[in-house]
Amino acid sequence: MSRNKPATVAVLHNEVGSDSSPDDLDVITQVNVVSQALNALNYDPVSVPLSLNLQAACDRLNSLKPLFVFNLVESIAGTGRFIYFAAALLDRMRYPYTGSGTDALYVTTNKPLSKSRMRSFEIATPDWILIDTSVRQEPDFEPPYILKPVWEDASVGLDVSSVIHTRTELRQHKFGNAAKNGDWFAETYIPGREFNISILADERKPEILSVAEIEFLDFPEDRPKIVDYRAKWEADSFEYQHTIRRFDFLREDEPLLSQLREITLKCWRIFNLHGYARVDFRIDHDGKPWVLEINANPCISPDSGFVAAAERSGLCFNTIIQRIINDIPDNRRALEY
C-alpha cells in the first residue's frame, strides 16, 4: 500500500533515567537506530516511553493512533519481570506490534518456566533448582552450579561469583545474597563452548543467521568462562575485552552447527516466536548441545550479537527492520498497511 504521507509508528521502549543501569540505557541506542531505519522505510517514528504508569503510555498511543508499534521494551522499572506488560497492553489496545507476543515474552523471560517447556519437548537444557529460601531443598544434581536470576536478561546478576563449586557454597548463597535480591535459580554449569544462534523471519518463515561462537581468550584457570555483566557492559573490563565473537568454523564443526540450527528452529516453533530471536547454547565435553536460554526480541543495538550475525549474513539494518515488521502476525493487524 503506497503512502503520500509517512504513517506514524510508535517506538515503544522502557522509560530510563539518569540513574538507570547500562543495560537499561542501551534501549535508547536501539530507539535511535530503529527510528532511523523506520524513517528510511517511509514511516514517521515517534518514541513512546513505558513505565509502571501504564495509563500514560495508553494515552500517548491513543493520541498518536500509530499504524503499528515497534516494541523495544526490555524491562519496566528496572526489572525484566514486567517485560510482557508491553505486549499485553498492546493486545488490549488492539495495536499491531513487532516481535513476539505476550505469552512468548512471559515464558521466555521466566527462565525456569522456559526450561520446563523445553524439557517437555525433549530439548536438552541443564538441570536446575529454584532458590526457595522457605524450603531447605538440595539439588539432586552434582556441582558445579551457576546461579542466575529468574527474570533478567542481558547478563544482569552474573559475575565471577555466580559459578559455585560445592553444595555448601550454594547453600550459603541460597540463604544469603540470593534471599535478599529477588528470585534466583541454580543450574548445572557446563564448562565448554558457547554459541549464539540468531533467527530473523523472512516471508513469515524463520531464517537462521550466521552462527556465532563466543571465545574466552586468555581467561585464567580460576575465572569462569561466562558472558557475565562485565563482559557485556563494561568496555574497560578484562571480561569485555577477552570475550570475542567469531563466525568462522572448521568443516568438522558442521555436524554440530547443523544440530544447533535444528534445535533453534524447534525452539522458534514451540515458543511461538515472531520477528527475531536468539538461542544461547553450551556444548559439553562430549559434544552435546544444551540450550541455556531463549531470547525473544533480543537487543538490536548496532554492536549486538544479533546485528553482527545479520550483517555477517549479508543483511543491512534497514532490511532487518523491514523483515521484523513483515512478520507481525495477522491476528495483530488491526490496521491495513
C-alpha atoms as a PDB file:
ATOM      1  CA  MET A   1       0.000   0.000   0.000  1.00  0.00           C
ATOM      2  CA  SER A   2       1.603   3.290  -1.101  1.00  0.00           C
ATOM      3  CA  ARG A   3       1.500   6.341   1.168  1.00  0.00           C
ATOM      4  CA  ASN A   4       1.984  10.022   0.309  1.00  0.00           C
ATOM      5  CA  LYS A   5       2.449  10.991   3.948  1.00  0.00           C
ATOM      6  CA  PRO A   6       4.571   8.678   6.109  1.00  0.00           C
ATOM      7  CA  ALA A   7       2.424   6.736   8.551  1.00  0.00           C
ATOM      8  CA  THR A   8       3.090   7.183  12.251  1.00  0.00           C
ATOM      9  CA  VAL A   9       4.827   4.302  14.015  1.00  0.00           C
ATOM     10  CA  ALA A  10       5.205   4.288  17.801  1.00  0.00           C
ATOM     11  CA  VAL A  11       8.603   3.081  19.012  1.00  0.00           C
ATOM     12  CA  LEU A  12       7.723   1.750  22.462  1.00  0.00           C
ATOM     13  CA  HIS A  13      10.578   1.409  24.929  1.00  0.00           C
ATOM     14  CA  ASN A  14      11.241   1.169  28.638  1.00  0.00           C
ATOM     15  CA  GLU A  15      11.488   4.549  30.350  1.00  0.00           C
ATOM     16  CA  VAL A  16      15.012   5.316  31.540  1.00  0.00           C
ATOM     17  CA  GLY A  17      16.554   7.978  33.742  1.00  0.00           C
ATOM     18  CA  SER A  18      19.923   9.277  34.835  1.00  0.00           C
ATOM     19  CA  ASP A  19      20.181   6.527  37.439  1.00  0.00           C
ATOM     20  CA  SER A  20      19.390   3.683  35.008  1.00  0.00           C
ATOM     21  CA  SER A  21      21.903   0.869  34.569  1.00  0.00           C
ATOM     22  CA  PRO A  22      23.948   0.489  31.352  1.00  0.00           C
ATOM     23  CA  ASP A  23      21.788  -2.415  30.165  1.00  0.00           C
ATOM     24  CA  ASP A  24      18.641  -0.317  30.564  1.00  0.00           C
ATOM     25  CA  LEU A  25      20.180   2.765  28.951  1.00  0.00           C
ATOM     26  CA  ASP A  26      21.113   0.732  25.881  1.00  0.00           C
ATOM     27  CA  VAL A  27      17.464   0.793  24.810  1.00  0.00           C
ATOM     28  CA  ILE A  28      17.873   4.463  23.814  1.00  0.00           C
ATOM     29  CA  THR A  29      20.551   3.420  21.310  1.00  0.00           C
ATOM     30  CA  GLN A  30      18.065   0.918  19.910  1.00  0.00           C
ATOM     31  CA  VAL A  31      15.320   3.541  19.726  1.00  0.00           C
ATOM     32  CA  ASN A  32      17.614   5.832  17.741  1.00  0.00           C
ATOM     33  CA  VAL A  33      18.785   3.281  15.181  1.00  0.00           C
ATOM     34  CA  VAL A  34      15.326   1.752  14.735  1.00  0.00           C
ATOM     35  CA  SER A  35      13.853   5.214  14.245  1.00  0.00           C
ATOM     36  CA  GLN A  36      16.466   5.997  11.597  1.00  0.00           C
ATOM     37  CA  ALA A  37      15.590   2.771   9.782  1.00  0.00           C
ATOM     38  CA  LEU A  38      11.858   3.492  10.004  1.00  0.00           C
ATOM     39  CA  ASN A  39      12.438   6.932   8.505  1.00  0.00           C
ATOM     40  CA  ALA A  40      14.347   5.336   5.643  1.00  0.00           C
ATOM     41  CA  LEU A  41      11.444   2.912   5.129  1.00  0.00           C
ATOM     42  CA  ASN A  42       8.992   5.848   4.797  1.00  0.00           C
ATOM     43  CA  TYR A  43       7.472   5.756   8.281  1.00  0.00           C
ATOM     44  CA  ASP A  44       7.232   8.543  10.829  1.00  0.00           C
ATOM     45  CA  PRO A  45       8.609   7.082  14.095  1.00  0.00           C
ATOM     46  CA  VAL A  46       7.641   8.587  17.463  1.00  0.00           C
ATOM     47  CA  SER A  47       9.324   7.492  20.694  1.00  0.00           C
ATOM     48  CA  VAL A  48       6.911   6.409  23.441  1.00  0.00           C
ATOM     49  CA  PRO A  49       8.363   5.519  26.877  1.00  0.00           C
ATOM     50  CA  LEU A  50       6.671   2.900  29.034  1.00  0.00           C
ATOM     51  CA  SER A  51       6.764   2.913  32.825  1.00  0.00           C
ATOM     52  CA  LEU A  52       4.565   1.450  35.553  1.00  0.00           C
ATOM     53  CA  ASN A  53       2.251   4.364  34.787  1.00  0.00           C
ATOM     54  CA  LEU A  54       0.643   2.321  32.016  1.00  0.00           C
ATOM     55  CA  GLN A  55      -2.151   4.845  31.524  1.00  0.00           C
ATOM     56  CA  ALA A  56       0.339   7.495  30.402  1.00  0.00           C
ATOM     57  CA  ALA A  57       1.549   5.210  27.603  1.00  0.00           C
ATOM     58  CA  CYS A  58      -2.046   4.318  26.686  1.00  0.00           C
ATOM     59  CA  ASP A  59      -2.963   7.995  26.403  1.00  0.00           C
ATOM     60  CA  ARG A  60       0.090   8.727  24.265  1.00  0.00           C
ATOM     61  CA  LEU A  61      -0.587   5.807  21.930  1.00  0.00           C
ATOM     62  CA  ASN A  62      -4.230   6.770  21.545  1.00  0.00           C
ATOM     63  CA  SER A  63      -3.242  10.320  20.677  1.00  0.00           C
ATOM     64  CA  LEU A  64      -0.810   9.071  18.030  1.00  0.00           C
ATOM     65  CA  LYS A  65      -3.040   6.317  16.581  1.00  0.00           C
ATOM     66  CA  PRO A  66       0.026   4.575  15.105  1.00  0.00           C
ATOM     67  CA  LEU A  67      -0.120   2.232  12.148  1.00  0.00           C
ATOM     68  CA  PHE A  68       1.781  -0.225  14.324  1.00  0.00           C
ATOM     69  CA  VAL A  69       4.082  -0.260  17.348  1.00  0.00           C
ATOM     70  CA  PHE A  70       7.739  -1.274  17.217  1.00  0.00           C
ATOM     71  CA  ASN A  71       8.142  -2.923  20.628  1.00  0.00           C
ATOM     72  CA  LEU A  72      11.596  -2.392  22.159  1.00  0.00           C
ATOM     73  CA  VAL A  73      10.552  -2.775  25.804  1.00  0.00           C
ATOM     74  CA  GLU A  74      13.125  -4.911  27.662  1.00  0.00           C
ATOM     75  CA  SER A  75      12.134  -4.104  31.233  1.00  0.00           C
ATOM     76  CA  ILE A  76       9.896  -1.802  33.230  1.00  0.00           C
ATOM     77  CA  ALA A  77      11.005  -0.010  36.411  1.00  0.00           C
ATOM     78  CA  GLY A  78      14.376  -1.692  36.053  1.00  0.00           C
ATOM     79  CA  THR A  79      13.138  -5.283  36.120  1.00  0.00           C
ATOM     80  CA  GLY A  80      12.691  -7.829  33.356  1.00  0.00           C
ATOM     81  CA  ARG A  81       9.799  -9.357  35.289  1.00  0.00           C
ATOM     82  CA  PHE A  82       7.423  -6.879  33.615  1.00  0.00           C
ATOM     83  CA  ILE A  83       8.656  -7.193  30.025  1.00  0.00           C
ATOM     84  CA  TYR A  84       5.429  -8.842  28.877  1.00  0.00           C
ATOM     85  CA  PHE A  85       3.346  -5.873  30.111  1.00  0.00           C
ATOM     86  CA  ALA A  86       4.072  -4.044  26.851  1.00  0.00           C
ATOM     87  CA  ALA A  87       2.714  -6.796  24.634  1.00  0.00           C
ATOM     88  CA  ALA A  88      -0.265  -7.390  26.941  1.00  0.00           C
ATOM     89  CA  LEU A  89      -1.102  -3.692  26.846  1.00  0.00           C
ATOM     90  CA  LEU A  90      -0.893  -3.584  23.053  1.00  0.00           C
ATOM     91  CA  ASP A  91      -3.054  -6.703  22.783  1.00  0.00           C
ATOM     92  CA  ARG A  92      -5.683  -4.980  24.905  1.00  0.00           C
ATOM     93  CA  MET A  93      -5.478  -1.784  22.863  1.00  0.00           C
ATOM     94  CA  ARG A  94      -5.553  -3.734  19.584  1.00  0.00           C
ATOM     95  CA  TYR A  95      -2.486  -2.099  18.106  1.00  0.00           C
ATOM     96  CA  PRO A  96      -0.327  -4.298  15.863  1.00  0.00           C
ATOM     97  CA  TYR A  97       3.202  -4.666  17.225  1.00  0.00           C
ATOM     98  CA  THR A  98       6.504  -6.221  16.266  1.00  0.00           C
ATOM     99  CA  GLY A  99       8.243  -9.225  17.765  1.00  0.00           C
ATOM    100  CA  SER A 100       6.947 -11.994  19.961  1.00  0.00           C
ATOM    101  CA  GLY A 101       3.610 -11.926  21.729  1.00  0.00           C
ATOM    102  CA  THR A 102       2.599 -11.742  25.366  1.00  0.00           C
ATOM    103  CA  ASP A 103       2.753 -15.461  26.134  1.00  0.00           C
ATOM    104  CA  ALA A 104       6.113 -15.970  24.429  1.00  0.00           C
ATOM    105  CA  LEU A 105       7.658 -12.996  26.231  1.00  0.00           C
ATOM    106  CA  TYR A 106       6.374 -14.143  29.612  1.00  0.00           C
ATOM    107  CA  VAL A 107       7.535 -17.733  29.212  1.00  0.00           C
ATOM    108  CA  THR A 108      10.966 -16.986  27.766  1.00  0.00           C
ATOM    109  CA  THR A 109      11.703 -14.292  30.365  1.00  0.00           C
ATOM    110  CA  ASN A 110      10.853 -16.681  33.206  1.00  0.00           C
ATOM    111  CA  LYS A 111      13.896 -18.918  32.774  1.00  0.00           C
ATOM    112  CA  PRO A 112      12.774 -21.928  34.851  1.00  0.00           C
ATOM    113  CA  LEU A 113       9.382 -21.888  33.117  1.00  0.00           C
ATOM    114  CA  SER A 114      11.013 -21.841  29.687  1.00  0.00           C
ATOM    115  CA  LYS A 115      13.323 -24.682  30.748  1.00  0.00           C
ATOM    116  CA  SER A 116      10.302 -26.729  31.805  1.00  0.00           C
ATOM    117  CA  ARG A 117       8.733 -26.222  28.394  1.00  0.00           C
ATOM    118  CA  MET A 118      11.975 -27.195  26.686  1.00  0.00           C
ATOM    119  CA  ARG A 119      12.107 -30.393  28.706  1.00  0.00           C
ATOM    120  CA  SER A 120       8.512 -31.235  27.773  1.00  0.00           C
ATOM    121  CA  PHE A 121       9.525 -31.050  24.094  1.00  0.00           C
ATOM    122  CA  GLU A 122      12.724 -33.067  24.663  1.00  0.00           C
ATOM    123  CA  ILE A 123      15.089 -30.144  24.189  1.00  0.00           C
ATOM    124  CA  ALA A 124      18.164 -30.591  26.383  1.00  0.00           C
ATOM    125  CA  THR A 125      18.619 -27.840  28.955  1.00  0.00           C
ATOM    126  CA  PRO A 126      20.818 -28.024  32.090  1.00  0.00           C
ATOM    127  CA  ASP A 127      19.275 -29.355  35.311  1.00  0.00           C
ATOM    128  CA  TRP A 128      18.060 -26.616  37.642  1.00  0.00           C
ATOM    129  CA  ILE A 129      16.536 -25.895  41.013  1.00  0.00           C
ATOM    130  CA  LEU A 130      14.683 -22.805  42.209  1.00  0.00           C
ATOM    131  CA  ILE A 131      16.285 -20.994  45.122  1.00  0.00           C
ATOM    132  CA  ASP A 132      13.358 -21.122  47.520  1.00  0.00           C
ATOM    133  CA  THR A 133      14.566 -19.884  50.891  1.00  0.00           C
ATOM    134  CA  SER A 134      11.438 -21.211  52.609  1.00  0.00           C
ATOM    135  CA  VAL A 135      12.329 -24.809  51.711  1.00  0.00           C
ATOM    136  CA  ARG A 136      15.638 -26.368  52.648  1.00  0.00           C
ATOM    137  CA  GLN A 137      15.856 -28.395  49.470  1.00  0.00           C
ATOM    138  CA  GLU A 138      19.143 -29.553  47.989  1.00  0.00           C
ATOM    139  CA  PRO A 139      19.689 -30.029  44.243  1.00  0.00           C
ATOM    140  CA  ASP A 140      19.577 -33.649  43.097  1.00  0.00           C
ATOM    141  CA  PHE A 141      22.336 -32.976  40.552  1.00  0.00           C
ATOM    142  CA  GLU A 142      26.042 -32.530  41.118  1.00  0.00           C
ATOM    143  CA  PRO A 143      28.067 -29.286  41.135  1.00  0.00           C
ATOM    144  CA  PRO A 144      29.389 -27.112  39.648  1.00  0.00           C
ATOM    145  CA  TYR A 145      26.344 -24.814  39.553  1.00  0.00           C
ATOM    146  CA  ILE A 146      25.697 -21.393  38.107  1.00  0.00           C
ATOM    147  CA  LEU A 147      23.357 -19.068  39.976  1.00  0.00           C
ATOM    148  CA  LYS A 148      21.073 -16.907  37.807  1.00  0.00           C
ATOM    149  CA  PRO A 149      18.162 -14.503  38.309  1.00  0.00           C
ATOM    150  CA  VAL A 150      14.837 -15.957  37.196  1.00  0.00           C
ATOM    151  CA  TRP A 151      13.595 -12.910  35.307  1.00  0.00           C
ATOM    152  CA  GLU A 152      16.566 -10.971  33.929  1.00  0.00           C
ATOM    153  CA  ASP A 153      18.332 -10.925  30.557  1.00  0.00           C
ATOM    154  CA  ALA A 154      21.455  -9.075  29.381  1.00  0.00           C
ATOM    155  CA  SER A 155      23.613 -10.992  31.920  1.00  0.00           C
ATOM    156  CA  VAL A 156      22.107  -8.980  34.771  1.00  0.00           C
ATOM    157  CA  GLY A 157      23.175 -10.530  38.076  1.00  0.00           C
ATOM    158  CA  LEU A 158      26.016 -12.610  36.608  1.00  0.00           C
ATOM    159  CA  ASP A 159      29.591 -12.169  37.786  1.00  0.00           C
ATOM    160  CA  VAL A 160      32.649 -14.219  38.678  1.00  0.00           C
ATOM    161  CA  SER A 161      30.980 -15.429  41.893  1.00  0.00           C
ATOM    162  CA  SER A 162      27.972 -16.865  40.036  1.00  0.00           C
ATOM    163  CA  VAL A 163      29.720 -20.184  39.361  1.00  0.00           C
ATOM    164  CA  ILE A 164      29.539 -22.307  42.501  1.00  0.00           C
ATOM    165  CA  HIS A 165      31.627 -25.438  43.038  1.00  0.00           C
ATOM    166  CA  THR A 166      30.159 -27.071  46.144  1.00  0.00           C
ATOM    167  CA  ARG A 167      26.765 -27.682  47.738  1.00  0.00           C
ATOM    168  CA  THR A 168      27.960 -25.809  50.841  1.00  0.00           C
ATOM    169  CA  GLU A 169      28.758 -22.740  48.764  1.00  0.00           C
ATOM    170  CA  LEU A 170      25.348 -22.959  47.081  1.00  0.00           C
ATOM    171  CA  ARG A 171      23.665 -23.182  50.478  1.00  0.00           C
ATOM    172  CA  GLN A 172      25.462 -20.019  51.602  1.00  0.00           C
ATOM    173  CA  HIS A 173      24.217 -18.176  48.528  1.00  0.00           C
ATOM    174  CA  LYS A 174      20.724 -19.582  48.900  1.00  0.00           C
ATOM    175  CA  PHE A 175      20.212 -18.243  52.396  1.00  0.00           C
ATOM    176  CA  GLY A 176      22.416 -15.191  51.934  1.00  0.00           C
ATOM    177  CA  ASN A 177      22.704 -12.899  48.933  1.00  0.00           C
ATOM    178  CA  ALA A 178      20.071 -14.630  46.800  1.00  0.00           C
ATOM    179  CA  ALA A 179      17.464 -14.315  49.522  1.00  0.00           C
ATOM    180  CA  LYS A 180      17.921 -10.543  49.581  1.00  0.00           C
ATOM    181  CA  ASN A 181      17.788  -9.883  45.853  1.00  0.00           C
ATOM    182  CA  GLY A 182      14.712 -11.455  44.291  1.00  0.00           C
ATOM    183  CA  ASP A 183      14.074 -14.737  42.518  1.00  0.00           C
ATOM    184  CA  TRP A 184      17.005 -16.952  41.617  1.00  0.00           C
ATOM    185  CA  PHE A 185      17.674 -20.444  40.351  1.00  0.00           C
ATOM    186  CA  ALA A 186      20.756 -22.634  40.156  1.00  0.00           C
ATOM    187  CA  GLU A 187      21.500 -24.804  37.141  1.00  0.00           C
ATOM    188  CA  THR A 188      24.277 -27.151  36.167  1.00  0.00           C
ATOM    189  CA  TYR A 189      27.266 -25.168  34.959  1.00  0.00           C
ATOM    190  CA  ILE A 190      28.547 -26.633  31.715  1.00  0.00           C
ATOM    191  CA  PRO A 191      32.192 -25.774  31.010  1.00  0.00           C
ATOM    192  CA  GLY A 192      32.525 -25.857  27.243  1.00  0.00           C
ATOM    193  CA  ARG A 193      31.960 -23.979  24.013  1.00  0.00           C
ATOM    194  CA  GLU A 194      29.261 -21.287  23.887  1.00  0.00           C
ATOM    195  CA  PHE A 195      27.173 -20.477  20.805  1.00  0.00           C
ATOM    196  CA  ASN A 196      24.527 -17.856  19.956  1.00  0.00           C
ATOM    197  CA  ILE A 197      22.102 -18.686  17.147  1.00  0.00           C
ATOM    198  CA  SER A 198      20.093 -15.734  15.821  1.00  0.00           C
ATOM    199  CA  ILE A 199      16.841 -16.066  13.844  1.00  0.00           C
ATOM    200  CA  LEU A 200      15.151 -13.474  11.641  1.00  0.00           C
ATOM    201  CA  ALA A 201      11.799 -14.003   9.963  1.00  0.00           C
ATOM    202  CA  ASP A 202      11.780 -13.985   6.161  1.00  0.00           C
ATOM    203  CA  GLU A 203       8.377 -14.022   4.453  1.00  0.00           C
ATOM    204  CA  ARG A 204       6.807 -15.453   7.620  1.00  0.00           C
ATOM    205  CA  LYS A 205       9.428 -18.212   7.916  1.00  0.00           C
ATOM    206  CA  PRO A 206      12.399 -18.251  10.294  1.00  0.00           C
ATOM    207  CA  GLU A 207      15.870 -17.888   8.789  1.00  0.00           C
ATOM    208  CA  ILE A 208      18.895 -18.942  10.788  1.00  0.00           C
ATOM    209  CA  LEU A 209      21.564 -16.260  10.557  1.00  0.00           C
ATOM    210  CA  SER A 210      25.308 -16.854  10.699  1.00  0.00           C
ATOM    211  CA  VAL A 211      26.203 -18.997  13.699  1.00  0.00           C
ATOM    212  CA  ALA A 212      28.341 -17.223  16.300  1.00  0.00           C
ATOM    213  CA  GLU A 213      30.661 -18.724  18.894  1.00  0.00           C
ATOM    214  CA  ILE A 214      31.887 -16.800  21.917  1.00  0.00           C
ATOM    215  CA  GLU A 215      35.585 -17.373  22.557  1.00  0.00           C
ATOM    216  CA  PHE A 216      37.040 -16.763  26.006  1.00  0.00           C
ATOM    217  CA  LEU A 217      40.597 -15.643  25.318  1.00  0.00           C
ATOM    218  CA  ASP A 218      43.350 -15.978  27.917  1.00  0.00           C
ATOM    219  CA  PHE A 219      40.939 -16.490  30.810  1.00  0.00           C
ATOM    220  CA  PRO A 220      42.822 -17.575  33.960  1.00  0.00           C
ATOM    221  CA  GLU A 221      42.054 -21.075  35.188  1.00  0.00           C
ATOM    222  CA  ASP A 222      40.267 -19.727  38.269  1.00  0.00           C
ATOM    223  CA  ARG A 223      37.982 -17.410  36.243  1.00  0.00           C
ATOM    224  CA  PRO A 224      34.758 -18.995  34.922  1.00  0.00           C
ATOM    225  CA  LYS A 225      34.265 -18.710  31.174  1.00  0.00           C
ATOM    226  CA  ILE A 226      30.895 -16.993  31.150  1.00  0.00           C
ATOM    227  CA  VAL A 227      29.456 -13.913  29.445  1.00  0.00           C
ATOM    228  CA  ASP A 228      28.723 -12.035  32.645  1.00  0.00           C
ATOM    229  CA  TYR A 229      27.590  -8.445  33.187  1.00  0.00           C
ATOM    230  CA  ARG A 230      31.093  -7.016  32.865  1.00  0.00           C
ATOM    231  CA  ALA A 231      31.654  -8.920  29.606  1.00  0.00           C
ATOM    232  CA  LYS A 232      28.556  -7.307  28.110  1.00  0.00           C
ATOM    233  CA  TRP A 233      28.526  -3.800  29.535  1.00  0.00           C
ATOM    234  CA  GLU A 234      31.896  -2.692  30.939  1.00  0.00           C
ATOM    235  CA  ALA A 235      34.138  -1.902  27.964  1.00  0.00           C
ATOM    236  CA  ASP A 236      37.290  -1.381  30.035  1.00  0.00           C
ATOM    237  CA  SER A 237      36.995  -4.742  31.832  1.00  0.00           C
ATOM    238  CA  PHE A 238      39.067  -7.868  31.183  1.00  0.00           C
ATOM    239  CA  GLU A 239      35.876  -9.831  30.556  1.00  0.00           C
ATOM    240  CA  TYR A 240      34.627  -7.431  27.860  1.00  0.00           C
ATOM    241  CA  GLN A 241      37.941  -7.309  26.042  1.00  0.00           C
ATOM    242  CA  HIS A 242      38.538 -11.074  26.127  1.00  0.00           C
ATOM    243  CA  THR A 243      35.151 -12.436  25.045  1.00  0.00           C
ATOM    244  CA  ILE A 244      35.297 -12.461  21.255  1.00  0.00           C
ATOM    245  CA  ARG A 245      32.544 -13.371  18.805  1.00  0.00           C
ATOM    246  CA  ARG A 246      33.608 -15.441  15.797  1.00  0.00           C
ATOM    247  CA  PHE A 247      31.766 -16.764  12.748  1.00  0.00           C
ATOM    248  CA  ASP A 248      34.379 -18.937  11.005  1.00  0.00           C
ATOM    249  CA  PHE A 249      34.389 -22.678  11.664  1.00  0.00           C
ATOM    250  CA  LEU A 250      36.213 -25.777  10.564  1.00  0.00           C
ATOM    251  CA  ARG A 251      34.490 -28.277   8.325  1.00  0.00           C
ATOM    252  CA  GLU A 252      34.491 -30.761  11.204  1.00  0.00           C
ATOM    253  CA  ASP A 253      32.172 -28.412  13.143  1.00  0.00           C
ATOM    254  CA  GLU A 254      29.414 -28.620  10.525  1.00  0.00           C
ATOM    255  CA  PRO A 255      27.527 -31.578  12.101  1.00  0.00           C
ATOM    256  CA  LEU A 256      27.359 -29.659  15.388  1.00  0.00           C
ATOM    257  CA  LEU A 257      26.298 -26.425  13.670  1.00  0.00           C
ATOM    258  CA  SER A 258      23.584 -28.301  11.791  1.00  0.00           C
ATOM    259  CA  GLN A 259      22.304 -29.704  15.081  1.00  0.00           C
ATOM    260  CA  LEU A 260      22.269 -26.233  16.663  1.00  0.00           C
ATOM    261  CA  ARG A 261      20.264 -24.839  13.751  1.00  0.00           C
ATOM    262  CA  GLU A 262      17.741 -27.668  14.017  1.00  0.00           C
ATOM    263  CA  ILE A 263      17.252 -27.150  17.764  1.00  0.00           C
ATOM    264  CA  THR A 264      16.920 -23.389  17.265  1.00  0.00           C
ATOM    265  CA  LEU A 265      14.150 -23.829  14.700  1.00  0.00           C
ATOM    266  CA  LYS A 266      12.370 -26.182  17.087  1.00  0.00           C
ATOM    267  CA  CYS A 267      12.566 -23.529  19.830  1.00  0.00           C
ATOM    268  CA  TRP A 268      11.100 -20.944  17.439  1.00  0.00           C
ATOM    269  CA  ARG A 269       8.122 -23.200  16.785  1.00  0.00           C
ATOM    270  CA  ILE A 270       7.336 -24.415  20.288  1.00  0.00           C
ATOM    271  CA  PHE A 271       7.624 -20.947  21.872  1.00  0.00           C
ATOM    272  CA  ASN A 272       5.613 -19.330  19.047  1.00  0.00           C
ATOM    273  CA  LEU A 273       8.272 -16.682  18.403  1.00  0.00           C
ATOM    274  CA  HIS A 274       7.916 -13.902  15.841  1.00  0.00           C
ATOM    275  CA  GLY A 275      10.143 -11.386  14.093  1.00  0.00           C
ATOM    276  CA  TYR A 276      13.510 -12.129  15.631  1.00  0.00           C
ATOM    277  CA  ALA A 277      15.064 -14.181  18.418  1.00  0.00           C
ATOM    278  CA  ARG A 278      18.311 -15.656  19.701  1.00  0.00           C
ATOM    279  CA  VAL A 279      19.013 -19.027  21.311  1.00  0.00           C
ATOM    280  CA  ASP A 280      22.082 -19.486  23.531  1.00  0.00           C
ATOM    281  CA  PHE A 281      23.857 -22.842  23.825  1.00  0.00           C
ATOM    282  CA  ARG A 282      26.648 -24.535  25.702  1.00  0.00           C
ATOM    283  CA  ILE A 283      28.370 -27.626  24.328  1.00  0.00           C
ATOM    284  CA  ASP A 284      29.647 -30.132  26.887  1.00  0.00           C
ATOM    285  CA  HIS A 285      32.880 -32.099  26.605  1.00  0.00           C
ATOM    286  CA  ASP A 286      31.017 -34.959  24.912  1.00  0.00           C
ATOM    287  CA  GLY A 287      29.826 -32.622  22.177  1.00  0.00           C
ATOM    288  CA  LYS A 288      26.199 -32.489  23.366  1.00  0.00           C
ATOM    289  CA  PRO A 289      24.404 -29.130  22.952  1.00  0.00           C
ATOM    290  CA  TRP A 290      22.401 -27.706  25.855  1.00  0.00           C
ATOM    291  CA  VAL A 291      20.047 -24.735  25.494  1.00  0.00           C
ATOM    292  CA  LEU A 292      20.779 -22.139  28.165  1.00  0.00           C
ATOM    293  CA  GLU A 293      18.004 -19.705  27.297  1.00  0.00           C
ATOM    294  CA  ILE A 294      15.786 -18.322  24.576  1.00  0.00           C
ATOM    295  CA  ASN A 295      15.786 -14.592  23.908  1.00  0.00           C
ATOM    296  CA  ALA A 296      12.616 -13.283  22.296  1.00  0.00           C
ATOM    297  CA  ASN A 297      13.061  -9.737  20.930  1.00  0.00           C
ATOM    298  CA  PRO A 298      16.826  -9.668  21.606  1.00  0.00           C
ATOM    299  CA  CYS A 299      18.874  -6.481  21.674  1.00  0.00           C
ATOM    300  CA  ILE A 300      19.333  -4.908  18.222  1.00  0.00           C
ATOM    301  CA  SER A 301      21.867  -2.209  19.032  1.00  0.00           C
ATOM    302  CA  PRO A 302      24.500  -1.832  16.290  1.00  0.00           C
ATOM    303  CA  ASP A 303      27.084  -3.680  18.412  1.00  0.00           C
ATOM    304  CA  SER A 304      24.737  -6.507  19.462  1.00  0.00           C
ATOM    305  CA  GLY A 305      25.296 -10.154  18.645  1.00  0.00           C
ATOM    306  CA  PHE A 306      22.060 -10.295  16.691  1.00  0.00           C
ATOM    307  CA  VAL A 307      23.021  -7.425  14.362  1.00  0.00           C
ATOM    308  CA  ALA A 308      26.527  -8.859  13.948  1.00  0.00           C
ATOM    309  CA  ALA A 309      25.028 -12.193  12.836  1.00  0.00           C
ATOM    310  CA  ALA A 310      22.648 -10.444  10.432  1.00  0.00           C
ATOM    311  CA  GLU A 311      25.419  -8.363   8.905  1.00  0.00           C
ATOM    312  CA  ARG A 312      27.561 -11.467   8.553  1.00  0.00           C
ATOM    313  CA  SER A 313      24.599 -12.974   6.661  1.00  0.00           C
ATOM    314  CA  GLY A 314      24.671 -10.033   4.257  1.00  0.00           C
ATOM    315  CA  LEU A 315      21.723  -8.075   5.678  1.00  0.00           C
ATOM    316  CA  CYS A 316      21.730  -4.332   6.277  1.00  0.00           C
ATOM    317  CA  PHE A 317      19.952  -2.834   9.292  1.00  0.00           C
ATOM    318  CA  ASN A 318      17.032  -1.476   7.255  1.00  0.00           C
ATOM    319  CA  THR A 319      16.376  -4.971   5.907  1.00  0.00           C
ATOM    320  CA  ILE A 320      16.380  -6.366   9.444  1.00  0.00           C
ATOM    321  CA  ILE A 321      13.756  -3.830  10.496  1.00  0.00           C
ATOM    322  CA  GLN A 322      11.604  -4.392   7.395  1.00  0.00           C
ATOM    323  CA  ARG A 323      11.597  -8.154   7.929  1.00  0.00           C
ATOM    324  CA  ILE A 324      10.653  -7.736  11.605  1.00  0.00           C
ATOM    325  CA  ILE A 325       7.752  -5.530  10.519  1.00  0.00           C
ATOM    326  CA  ASN A 326       6.687  -8.018   7.842  1.00  0.00           C
ATOM    327  CA  ASP A 327       6.360 -10.777  10.458  1.00  0.00           C
ATOM    328  CA  ILE A 328       3.718  -9.025  12.555  1.00  0.00           C
ATOM    329  CA  PRO A 329       1.098 -11.799  12.865  1.00  0.00           C
ATOM    330  CA  ASP A 330      -2.200 -11.384  11.012  1.00  0.00           C
ATOM    331  CA  ASN A 331      -4.199 -11.582  14.237  1.00  0.00           C
ATOM    332  CA  ARG A 332      -2.493  -8.380  15.447  1.00  0.00           C
ATOM    333  CA  ARG A 333      -3.051  -6.435  12.237  1.00  0.00           C
ATOM    334  CA  ALA A 334      -5.933  -4.272  13.350  1.00  0.00           C
ATOM    335  CA  LEU A 335      -4.997  -1.701  10.698  1.00  0.00           C
ATOM    336  CA  GLU A 336      -4.268  -2.117   6.999  1.00  0.00           C
ATOM    337  CA  TYR A 337      -0.684  -1.408   5.975  1.00  0.00           C
END
